[in-house]
PDB file of all heavy atoms in Angstrom:
ATOM      1  N   LEU A   1      38.455   9.149  10.214  1.00  0.00           N
ATOM      2  CA  LEU A   1      38.286   7.703  10.393  1.00  0.00           C
ATOM      3  C   LEU A   1      37.311   7.402  11.531  1.00  0.00           C
ATOM      4  O   LEU A   1      36.428   6.542  11.398  1.00  0.00           O
ATOM      5  CB  LEU A   1      39.647   7.045  10.657  1.00  0.00           C
ATOM      6  CG  LEU A   1      39.652   5.514  10.753  1.00  0.00           C
ATOM      7  CD1 LEU A   1      39.156   4.893   9.459  1.00  0.00           C
ATOM      8  CD2 LEU A   1      41.050   5.010  11.080  1.00  0.00           C
ATOM      9  N   ALA A   2      37.432   8.129  12.630  1.00  0.00           N
ATOM     10  CA  ALA A   2      36.560   7.896  13.787  1.00  0.00           C
ATOM     11  C   ALA A   2      35.105   8.241  13.472  1.00  0.00           C
ATOM     12  O   ALA A   2      34.189   7.461  13.771  1.00  0.00           O
ATOM     13  CB  ALA A   2      37.049   8.723  14.974  1.00  0.00           C
ATOM     14  N   LEU A   3      34.895   9.403  12.846  1.00  0.00           N
ATOM     15  CA  LEU A   3      33.516   9.817  12.535  1.00  0.00           C
ATOM     16  C   LEU A   3      32.915   8.967  11.415  1.00  0.00           C
ATOM     17  O   LEU A   3      31.715   8.663  11.426  1.00  0.00           O
ATOM     18  CB  LEU A   3      33.475  11.296  12.159  1.00  0.00           C
ATOM     19  CG  LEU A   3      33.762  12.268  13.311  1.00  0.00           C
ATOM     20  CD1 LEU A   3      33.820  13.699  12.794  1.00  0.00           C
ATOM     21  CD2 LEU A   3      32.705  12.153  14.417  1.00  0.00           C
ATOM     22  N   TYR A   4      33.747   8.563  10.457  1.00  0.00           N
ATOM     23  CA  TYR A   4      33.261   7.704   9.378  1.00  0.00           C
ATOM     24  C   TYR A   4      32.872   6.328   9.932  1.00  0.00           C
ATOM     25  O   TYR A   4      31.867   5.736   9.515  1.00  0.00           O
ATOM     26  CB  TYR A   4      34.328   7.578   8.288  1.00  0.00           C
ATOM     27  CG  TYR A   4      33.884   6.797   7.077  1.00  0.00           C
ATOM     28  CD1 TYR A   4      32.680   7.089   6.426  1.00  0.00           C
ATOM     29  CD2 TYR A   4      34.670   5.770   6.553  1.00  0.00           C
ATOM     30  CE1 TYR A   4      32.274   6.383   5.312  1.00  0.00           C
ATOM     31  CE2 TYR A   4      34.271   5.055   5.441  1.00  0.00           C
ATOM     32  CZ  TYR A   4      33.070   5.364   4.820  1.00  0.00           C
ATOM     33  OH  TYR A   4      32.670   4.650   3.716  1.00  0.00           O
ATOM     34  N   ALA A   5      33.649   5.851  10.914  1.00  0.00           N
ATOM     35  CA  ALA A   5      33.313   4.577  11.570  1.00  0.00           C
ATOM     36  C   ALA A   5      31.973   4.707  12.292  1.00  0.00           C
ATOM     37  O   ALA A   5      31.148   3.787  12.284  1.00  0.00           O
ATOM     38  CB  ALA A   5      34.413   4.180  12.543  1.00  0.00           C
ATOM     39  N   LYS A   6      31.746   5.872  12.916  1.00  0.00           N
ATOM     40  CA  LYS A   6      30.474   6.118  13.602  1.00  0.00           C
ATOM     41  C   LYS A   6      29.322   6.106  12.588  1.00  0.00           C
ATOM     42  O   LYS A   6      28.258   5.520  12.827  1.00  0.00           O
ATOM     43  CB  LYS A   6      30.550   7.485  14.291  1.00  0.00           C
ATOM     44  CG  LYS A   6      29.666   7.624  15.504  1.00  0.00           C
ATOM     45  CD  LYS A   6      30.259   6.887  16.690  1.00  0.00           C
ATOM     46  CE  LYS A   6      29.397   7.030  17.926  1.00  0.00           C
ATOM     47  NZ  LYS A   6      29.655   5.971  18.902  1.00  0.00           N
ATOM     48  N   PHE A   7      29.559   6.761  11.462  1.00  0.00           N
ATOM     49  CA  PHE A   7      28.571   6.808  10.380  1.00  0.00           C
ATOM     50  C   PHE A   7      28.253   5.390   9.881  1.00  0.00           C
ATOM     51  O   PHE A   7      27.083   5.008   9.728  1.00  0.00           O
ATOM     52  CB  PHE A   7      29.131   7.664   9.238  1.00  0.00           C
ATOM     53  CG  PHE A   7      28.269   7.750   8.013  1.00  0.00           C
ATOM     54  CD1 PHE A   7      27.302   8.733   7.892  1.00  0.00           C
ATOM     55  CD2 PHE A   7      28.442   6.861   6.952  1.00  0.00           C
ATOM     56  CE1 PHE A   7      26.505   8.819   6.748  1.00  0.00           C
ATOM     57  CE2 PHE A   7      27.653   6.936   5.817  1.00  0.00           C
ATOM     58  CZ  PHE A   7      26.686   7.918   5.716  1.00  0.00           C
ATOM     59  N   MET A   8      29.306   4.579   9.657  1.00  0.00           N
ATOM     60  CA  MET A   8      29.123   3.212   9.157  1.00  0.00           C
ATOM     61  C   MET A   8      28.457   2.321  10.198  1.00  0.00           C
ATOM     62  O   MET A   8      27.701   1.410   9.863  1.00  0.00           O
ATOM     63  CB  MET A   8      30.464   2.627   8.725  1.00  0.00           C
ATOM     64  CG  MET A   8      31.061   3.273   7.484  1.00  0.00           C
ATOM     65  SD  MET A   8      29.970   3.194   6.044  1.00  0.00           S
ATOM     66  CE  MET A   8      29.952   1.433   5.747  1.00  0.00           C
ATOM     67  N   SER A   9      28.734   2.593  11.458  1.00  0.00           N
ATOM     68  CA  SER A   9      28.076   1.849  12.537  1.00  0.00           C
ATOM     69  C   SER A   9      26.565   2.067  12.476  1.00  0.00           C
ATOM     70  O   SER A   9      25.771   1.122  12.624  1.00  0.00           O
ATOM     71  CB  SER A   9      28.624   2.313  13.891  1.00  0.00           C
ATOM     72  OG  SER A   9      27.812   1.859  14.947  1.00  0.00           O
ATOM     73  N   GLY A  10      26.173   3.324  12.239  1.00  0.00           N
ATOM     74  CA  GLY A  10      24.752   3.642  12.107  1.00  0.00           C
ATOM     75  C   GLY A  10      24.123   2.962  10.899  1.00  0.00           C
ATOM     76  O   GLY A  10      22.993   2.460  10.972  1.00  0.00           O
ATOM     77  N   GLU A  11      24.868   2.911   9.773  1.00  0.00           N
ATOM     78  CA  GLU A  11      24.353   2.244   8.571  1.00  0.00           C
ATOM     79  C   GLU A  11      24.186   0.745   8.813  1.00  0.00           C
ATOM     80  O   GLU A  11      23.184   0.143   8.404  1.00  0.00           O
ATOM     81  CB  GLU A  11      25.317   2.473   7.395  1.00  0.00           C
ATOM     82  CG  GLU A  11      25.330   3.887   6.857  1.00  0.00           C
ATOM     83  CD  GLU A  11      24.019   4.267   6.196  1.00  0.00           C
ATOM     84  OE1 GLU A  11      23.654   3.664   5.183  1.00  0.00           O
ATOM     85  OE2 GLU A  11      23.340   5.181   6.722  1.00  0.00           O
ATOM     86  N   LYS A  12      25.172   0.160   9.502  1.00  0.00           N
ATOM     87  CA  LYS A  12      25.108  -1.278   9.794  1.00  0.00           C
ATOM     88  C   LYS A  12      23.900  -1.589  10.685  1.00  0.00           C
ATOM     89  O   LYS A  12      23.147  -2.538  10.448  1.00  0.00           O
ATOM     90  CB  LYS A  12      26.414  -1.714  10.470  1.00  0.00           C
ATOM     91  CG  LYS A  12      26.489  -3.202  10.794  1.00  0.00           C
ATOM     92  CD  LYS A  12      27.785  -3.518  11.526  1.00  0.00           C
ATOM     93  CE  LYS A  12      27.833  -4.966  11.975  1.00  0.00           C
ATOM     94  NZ  LYS A  12      29.001  -5.249  12.820  1.00  0.00           N
ATOM     95  N   ARG A  13      23.704  -0.756  11.721  1.00  0.00           N
ATOM     96  CA  ARG A  13      22.585  -0.984  12.641  1.00  0.00           C
ATOM     97  C   ARG A  13      21.246  -0.752  11.932  1.00  0.00           C
ATOM     98  O   ARG A  13      20.264  -1.445  12.197  1.00  0.00           O
ATOM     99  CB  ARG A  13      22.718  -0.073  13.855  1.00  0.00           C
ATOM    100  CG  ARG A  13      21.895  -0.532  15.050  1.00  0.00           C
ATOM    101  CD  ARG A  13      22.440  -0.002  16.355  1.00  0.00           C
ATOM    102  NE  ARG A  13      23.662  -0.694  16.753  1.00  0.00           N
ATOM    103  CZ  ARG A  13      24.852  -0.094  16.923  1.00  0.00           C
ATOM    104  NH1 ARG A  13      24.967   1.196  16.727  1.00  0.00           N
ATOM    105  NH2 ARG A  13      25.905  -0.787  17.277  1.00  0.00           N
ATOM    106  N   LYS A  14      21.221   0.200  11.026  1.00  0.00           N
ATOM    107  CA  LYS A  14      19.995   0.463  10.265  1.00  0.00           C
ATOM    108  C   LYS A  14      19.601  -0.776   9.453  1.00  0.00           C
ATOM    109  O   LYS A  14      18.433  -1.168   9.413  1.00  0.00           O
ATOM    110  CB  LYS A  14      20.214   1.652   9.319  1.00  0.00           C
ATOM    111  CG  LYS A  14      18.979   2.047   8.526  1.00  0.00           C
ATOM    112  CD  LYS A  14      19.229   3.237   7.630  1.00  0.00           C
ATOM    113  CE  LYS A  14      19.843   2.809   6.325  1.00  0.00           C
ATOM    114  NZ  LYS A  14      19.878   3.892   5.319  1.00  0.00           N
ATOM    115  N   ASN A  15      20.600  -1.419   8.827  1.00  0.00           N
ATOM    116  CA  ASN A  15      20.326  -2.636   8.054  1.00  0.00           C
ATOM    117  C   ASN A  15      19.867  -3.779   8.951  1.00  0.00           C
ATOM    118  O   ASN A  15      18.996  -4.569   8.570  1.00  0.00           O
ATOM    119  CB  ASN A  15      21.573  -3.060   7.265  1.00  0.00           C
ATOM    120  CG  ASN A  15      21.881  -2.112   6.125  1.00  0.00           C
ATOM    121  OD1 ASN A  15      20.988  -1.440   5.616  1.00  0.00           O
ATOM    122  ND2 ASN A  15      23.142  -2.039   5.731  1.00  0.00           N
ATOM    123  N   GLU A  16      20.465  -3.853  10.130  1.00  0.00           N
ATOM    124  CA  GLU A  16      20.091  -4.929  11.061  1.00  0.00           C
ATOM    125  C   GLU A  16      18.659  -4.744  11.577  1.00  0.00           C
ATOM    126  O   GLU A  16      17.935  -5.719  11.781  1.00  0.00           O
ATOM    127  CB  GLU A  16      21.062  -4.962  12.240  1.00  0.00           C
ATOM    128  CG  GLU A  16      22.457  -5.452  11.857  1.00  0.00           C
ATOM    129  CD  GLU A  16      23.493  -5.220  12.959  1.00  0.00           C
ATOM    130  OE1 GLU A  16      23.154  -4.575  13.970  1.00  0.00           O
ATOM    131  OE2 GLU A  16      24.633  -5.677  12.789  1.00  0.00           O
ATOM    132  N   GLU A  17      18.269  -3.491  11.773  1.00  0.00           N
ATOM    133  CA  GLU A  17      16.934  -3.216  12.315  1.00  0.00           C
ATOM    134  C   GLU A  17      15.839  -3.259  11.253  1.00  0.00           C
ATOM    135  O   GLU A  17      14.653  -3.340  11.579  1.00  0.00           O
ATOM    136  CB  GLU A  17      16.920  -1.842  13.000  1.00  0.00           C
ATOM    137  CG  GLU A  17      17.736  -1.806  14.284  1.00  0.00           C
ATOM    138  CD  GLU A  17      17.855  -0.403  14.858  1.00  0.00           C
ATOM    139  OE1 GLU A  17      17.255   0.527  14.268  1.00  0.00           O
ATOM    140  OE2 GLU A  17      18.543  -0.237  15.883  1.00  0.00           O
ATOM    141  N   SER A  18      16.246  -3.197   9.976  1.00  0.00           N
ATOM    142  CA  SER A  18      15.257  -3.254   8.902  1.00  0.00           C
ATOM    143  C   SER A  18      14.637  -4.646   8.859  1.00  0.00           C
ATOM    144  O   SER A  18      15.311  -5.653   9.046  1.00  0.00           O
ATOM    145  CB  SER A  18      15.913  -2.941   7.548  1.00  0.00           C
ATOM    146  OG  SER A  18      16.415  -1.633   7.537  1.00  0.00           O
ATOM    147  N   GLU A  19      13.347  -4.689   8.602  1.00  0.00           N
ATOM    148  CA  GLU A  19      12.640  -5.967   8.524  1.00  0.00           C
ATOM    149  C   GLU A  19      12.998  -6.683   7.220  1.00  0.00           C
ATOM    150  O   GLU A  19      13.691  -6.145   6.362  1.00  0.00           O
ATOM    151  CB  GLU A  19      11.131  -5.719   8.587  1.00  0.00           C
ATOM    152  CG  GLU A  19      10.658  -5.149   9.910  1.00  0.00           C
ATOM    153  CD  GLU A  19      10.699  -6.174  11.034  1.00  0.00           C
ATOM    154  OE1 GLU A  19      10.563  -7.370  10.739  1.00  0.00           O
ATOM    155  OE2 GLU A  19      10.870  -5.765  12.196  1.00  0.00           O
ATOM    156  N   MET A  20      12.508  -7.905   7.077  1.00  0.00           N
ATOM    157  CA  MET A  20      12.714  -8.667   5.854  1.00  0.00           C
ATOM    158  C   MET A  20      12.248  -7.850   4.648  1.00  0.00           C
ATOM    159  O   MET A  20      11.215  -7.169   4.712  1.00  0.00           O
ATOM    160  CB  MET A  20      11.914  -9.969   5.938  1.00  0.00           C
ATOM    161  CG  MET A  20      12.072 -10.865   4.724  1.00  0.00           C
ATOM    162  SD  MET A  20      11.041 -12.340   4.852  1.00  0.00           S
ATOM    163  CE  MET A  20       9.433 -11.634   4.531  1.00  0.00           C
ATOM    164  N   VAL A  21      13.029  -7.893   3.556  1.00  0.00           N
ATOM    165  CA  VAL A  21      12.707  -7.115   2.358  1.00  0.00           C
ATOM    166  C   VAL A  21      11.284  -7.420   1.897  1.00  0.00           C
ATOM    167  O   VAL A  21      10.912  -8.580   1.712  1.00  0.00           O
ATOM    168  CB  VAL A  21      13.707  -7.428   1.219  1.00  0.00           C
ATOM    169  CG1 VAL A  21      13.278  -6.734  -0.074  1.00  0.00           C
ATOM    170  CG2 VAL A  21      15.105  -6.992   1.607  1.00  0.00           C
ATOM    171  N   MET A  22      10.472  -6.357   1.752  1.00  0.00           N
ATOM    172  CA  MET A  22       9.074  -6.443   1.321  1.00  0.00           C
ATOM    173  C   MET A  22       8.209  -7.243   2.296  1.00  0.00           C
ATOM    174  O   MET A  22       7.139  -7.723   1.944  1.00  0.00           O
ATOM    175  CB  MET A  22       8.979  -7.066  -0.079  1.00  0.00           C
ATOM    176  CG  MET A  22       9.589  -6.210  -1.164  1.00  0.00           C
ATOM    177  SD  MET A  22       8.619  -4.737  -1.558  1.00  0.00           S
ATOM    178  CE  MET A  22       7.303  -5.471  -2.487  1.00  0.00           C
ATOM    179  N   GLY A  23       8.701  -7.397   3.535  1.00  0.00           N
ATOM    180  CA  GLY A  23       7.904  -8.061   4.559  1.00  0.00           C
ATOM    181  C   GLY A  23       6.815  -7.123   5.071  1.00  0.00           C
ATOM    182  O   GLY A  23       6.793  -5.936   4.719  1.00  0.00           O
ATOM    183  N   PRO A  24       5.927  -7.606   5.935  1.00  0.00           N
ATOM    184  CA  PRO A  24       4.809  -6.766   6.396  1.00  0.00           C
ATOM    185  C   PRO A  24       5.249  -5.529   7.158  1.00  0.00           C
ATOM    186  O   PRO A  24       4.542  -4.520   7.180  1.00  0.00           O
ATOM    187  CB  PRO A  24       3.996  -7.717   7.295  1.00  0.00           C
ATOM    188  CG  PRO A  24       4.920  -8.850   7.625  1.00  0.00           C
ATOM    189  CD  PRO A  24       5.860  -8.969   6.485  1.00  0.00           C
ATOM    190  N   GLN A  25       6.425  -5.576   7.826  1.00  0.00           N
ATOM    191  CA  GLN A  25       6.899  -4.426   8.610  1.00  0.00           C
ATOM    192  C   GLN A  25       7.947  -3.597   7.872  1.00  0.00           C
ATOM    193  O   GLN A  25       8.484  -2.644   8.420  1.00  0.00           O
ATOM    194  CB  GLN A  25       7.492  -4.912   9.949  1.00  0.00           C
ATOM    195  CG  GLN A  25       6.524  -5.705  10.816  1.00  0.00           C
ATOM    196  CD  GLN A  25       5.294  -4.903  11.169  1.00  0.00           C
ATOM    197  OE1 GLN A  25       5.391  -3.723  11.511  1.00  0.00           O
ATOM    198  NE2 GLN A  25       4.127  -5.526  11.081  1.00  0.00           N
ATOM    199  N   ASP A  26       8.288  -3.994   6.629  1.00  0.00           N
ATOM    200  CA  ASP A  26       9.334  -3.283   5.886  1.00  0.00           C
ATOM    201  C   ASP A  26       8.738  -2.050   5.227  1.00  0.00           C
ATOM    202  O   ASP A  26       8.209  -2.103   4.115  1.00  0.00           O
ATOM    203  CB  ASP A  26       9.942  -4.205   4.824  1.00  0.00           C
ATOM    204  CG  ASP A  26      11.027  -3.505   4.013  1.00  0.00           C
ATOM    205  OD1 ASP A  26      11.605  -2.531   4.530  1.00  0.00           O
ATOM    206  OD2 ASP A  26      11.289  -3.928   2.874  1.00  0.00           O
ATOM    207  N   LEU A  27       8.829  -0.939   5.935  1.00  0.00           N
ATOM    208  CA  LEU A  27       8.260   0.317   5.435  1.00  0.00           C
ATOM    209  C   LEU A  27       9.321   1.245   4.850  1.00  0.00           C
ATOM    210  O   LEU A  27       9.016   2.328   4.366  1.00  0.00           O
ATOM    211  CB  LEU A  27       7.519   1.040   6.574  1.00  0.00           C
ATOM    212  CG  LEU A  27       6.454   0.209   7.292  1.00  0.00           C
ATOM    213  CD1 LEU A  27       5.886   0.984   8.467  1.00  0.00           C
ATOM    214  CD2 LEU A  27       5.345  -0.196   6.329  1.00  0.00           C
ATOM    215  N   GLY A  28      10.599   0.838   4.937  1.00  0.00           N
ATOM    216  CA  GLY A  28      11.678   1.673   4.415  1.00  0.00           C
ATOM    217  C   GLY A  28      11.879   2.950   5.190  1.00  0.00           C
ATOM    218  O   GLY A  28      12.367   3.946   4.654  1.00  0.00           O
ATOM    219  N   THR A  29      11.495   2.953   6.476  1.00  0.00           N
ATOM    220  CA  THR A  29      11.547   4.192   7.272  1.00  0.00           C
ATOM    221  C   THR A  29      12.644   4.174   8.334  1.00  0.00           C
ATOM    222  O   THR A  29      12.771   5.133   9.085  1.00  0.00           O
ATOM    223  CB  THR A  29      10.194   4.425   7.965  1.00  0.00           C
ATOM    224  OG1 THR A  29       9.852   3.250   8.715  1.00  0.00           O
ATOM    225  CG2 THR A  29       9.099   4.689   6.945  1.00  0.00           C
ATOM    226  N   VAL A  30      13.417   3.084   8.432  1.00  0.00           N
ATOM    227  CA  VAL A  30      14.484   3.014   9.445  1.00  0.00           C
ATOM    228  C   VAL A  30      15.590   3.992   9.052  1.00  0.00           C
ATOM    229  O   VAL A  30      15.977   4.069   7.885  1.00  0.00           O
ATOM    230  CB  VAL A  30      15.049   1.581   9.559  1.00  0.00           C
ATOM    231  CG1 VAL A  30      16.084   1.495  10.672  1.00  0.00           C
ATOM    232  CG2 VAL A  30      13.924   0.583   9.807  1.00  0.00           C
ATOM    233  N   VAL A  31      16.090   4.756  10.023  1.00  0.00           N
ATOM    234  CA  VAL A  31      17.110   5.771   9.727  1.00  0.00           C
ATOM    235  C   VAL A  31      18.410   5.460  10.459  1.00  0.00           C
ATOM    236  O   VAL A  31      18.443   4.687  11.419  1.00  0.00           O
ATOM    237  CB  VAL A  31      16.626   7.189  10.125  1.00  0.00           C
ATOM    238  CG1 VAL A  31      15.431   7.587   9.301  1.00  0.00           C
ATOM    239  CG2 VAL A  31      16.297   7.255  11.612  1.00  0.00           C
ATOM    240  N   ASN A  32      19.482   6.081  10.001  1.00  0.00           N
ATOM    241  CA  ASN A  32      20.793   5.978  10.641  1.00  0.00           C
ATOM    242  C   ASN A  32      20.805   6.915  11.855  1.00  0.00           C
ATOM    243  O   ASN A  32      20.800   8.134  11.711  1.00  0.00           O
ATOM    244  CB  ASN A  32      21.864   6.375   9.616  1.00  0.00           C
ATOM    245  CG  ASN A  32      23.274   6.270  10.174  1.00  0.00           C
ATOM    246  OD1 ASN A  32      23.488   6.229  11.392  1.00  0.00           O
ATOM    247  ND2 ASN A  32      24.245   6.247   9.285  1.00  0.00           N
ATOM    248  N   LYS A  33      20.829   6.322  13.046  1.00  0.00           N
ATOM    249  CA  LYS A  33      20.725   7.126  14.270  1.00  0.00           C
ATOM    250  C   LYS A  33      22.022   7.826  14.642  1.00  0.00           C
ATOM    251  O   LYS A  33      22.047   8.629  15.570  1.00  0.00           O
ATOM    252  CB  LYS A  33      20.265   6.228  15.424  1.00  0.00           C
ATOM    253  CG  LYS A  33      18.826   5.740  15.236  1.00  0.00           C
ATOM    254  CD  LYS A  33      18.431   4.716  16.272  1.00  0.00           C
ATOM    255  CE  LYS A  33      17.016   4.206  15.996  1.00  0.00           C
ATOM    256  NZ  LYS A  33      16.661   3.032  16.791  1.00  0.00           N
ATOM    257  N   GLN A  34      23.097   7.519  13.930  1.00  0.00           N
ATOM    258  CA  GLN A  34      24.376   8.187  14.221  1.00  0.00           C
ATOM    259  C   GLN A  34      24.551   9.483  13.428  1.00  0.00           C
ATOM    260  O   GLN A  34      25.514  10.205  13.639  1.00  0.00           O
ATOM    261  CB  GLN A  34      25.550   7.243  13.911  1.00  0.00           C
ATOM    262  CG  GLN A  34      25.586   5.972  14.755  1.00  0.00           C
ATOM    263  CD  GLN A  34      25.784   6.266  16.235  1.00  0.00           C
ATOM    264  OE1 GLN A  34      26.228   7.349  16.612  1.00  0.00           O
ATOM    265  NE2 GLN A  34      25.444   5.299  17.086  1.00  0.00           N
ATOM    266  N   LEU A  35      23.631   9.762  12.503  1.00  0.00           N
ATOM    267  CA  LEU A  35      23.760  10.990  11.700  1.00  0.00           C
ATOM    268  C   LEU A  35      23.775  12.228  12.585  1.00  0.00           C
ATOM    269  O   LEU A  35      24.531  13.174  12.341  1.00  0.00           O
ATOM    270  CB  LEU A  35      22.607  11.100  10.695  1.00  0.00           C
ATOM    271  CG  LEU A  35      22.572  10.074   9.561  1.00  0.00           C
ATOM    272  CD1 LEU A  35      21.354  10.317   8.682  1.00  0.00           C
ATOM    273  CD2 LEU A  35      23.838  10.134   8.727  1.00  0.00           C
ATOM    274  N   LEU A  36      22.950  12.225  13.633  1.00  0.00           N
ATOM    275  CA  LEU A  36      22.867  13.380  14.527  1.00  0.00           C
ATOM    276  C   LEU A  36      24.209  13.644  15.198  1.00  0.00           C
ATOM    277  O   LEU A  36      24.708  14.776  15.213  1.00  0.00           O
ATOM    278  CB  LEU A  36      21.781  13.141  15.575  1.00  0.00           C
ATOM    279  CG  LEU A  36      21.544  14.272  16.570  1.00  0.00           C
ATOM    280  CD1 LEU A  36      21.018  15.508  15.864  1.00  0.00           C
ATOM    281  CD2 LEU A  36      20.575  13.823  17.663  1.00  0.00           C
ATOM    282  N   VAL A  37      24.820  12.589  15.733  1.00  0.00           N
ATOM    283  CA  VAL A  37      26.102  12.732  16.442  1.00  0.00           C
ATOM    284  C   VAL A  37      27.196  13.202  15.496  1.00  0.00           C
ATOM    285  O   VAL A  37      27.919  14.173  15.771  1.00  0.00           O
ATOM    286  CB  VAL A  37      26.504  11.384  17.091  1.00  0.00           C
ATOM    287  CG1 VAL A  37      27.895  11.476  17.707  1.00  0.00           C
ATOM    288  CG2 VAL A  37      25.481  10.960  18.134  1.00  0.00           C
ATOM    289  N   VAL A  38      27.335  12.515  14.351  1.00  0.00           N
ATOM    290  CA  VAL A  38      28.395  12.856  13.392  1.00  0.00           C
ATOM    291  C   VAL A  38      28.176  14.274  12.859  1.00  0.00           C
ATOM    292  O   VAL A  38      29.125  15.075  12.778  1.00  0.00           O
ATOM    293  CB  VAL A  38      28.422  11.835  12.232  1.00  0.00           C
ATOM    294  CG1 VAL A  38      29.474  12.231  11.193  1.00  0.00           C
ATOM    295  CG2 VAL A  38      28.703  10.426  12.754  1.00  0.00           C
TER     296      VAL A  38
END
């Protein structure tokens, strides 16, 4: 539960940091930064 929450936290932050869909900065390159820790 703890590690899965960490994983989901990274997914949530990845979505928040992603630019507007098909916007000029939306390159689809934002990654989940919690993958390394988990």
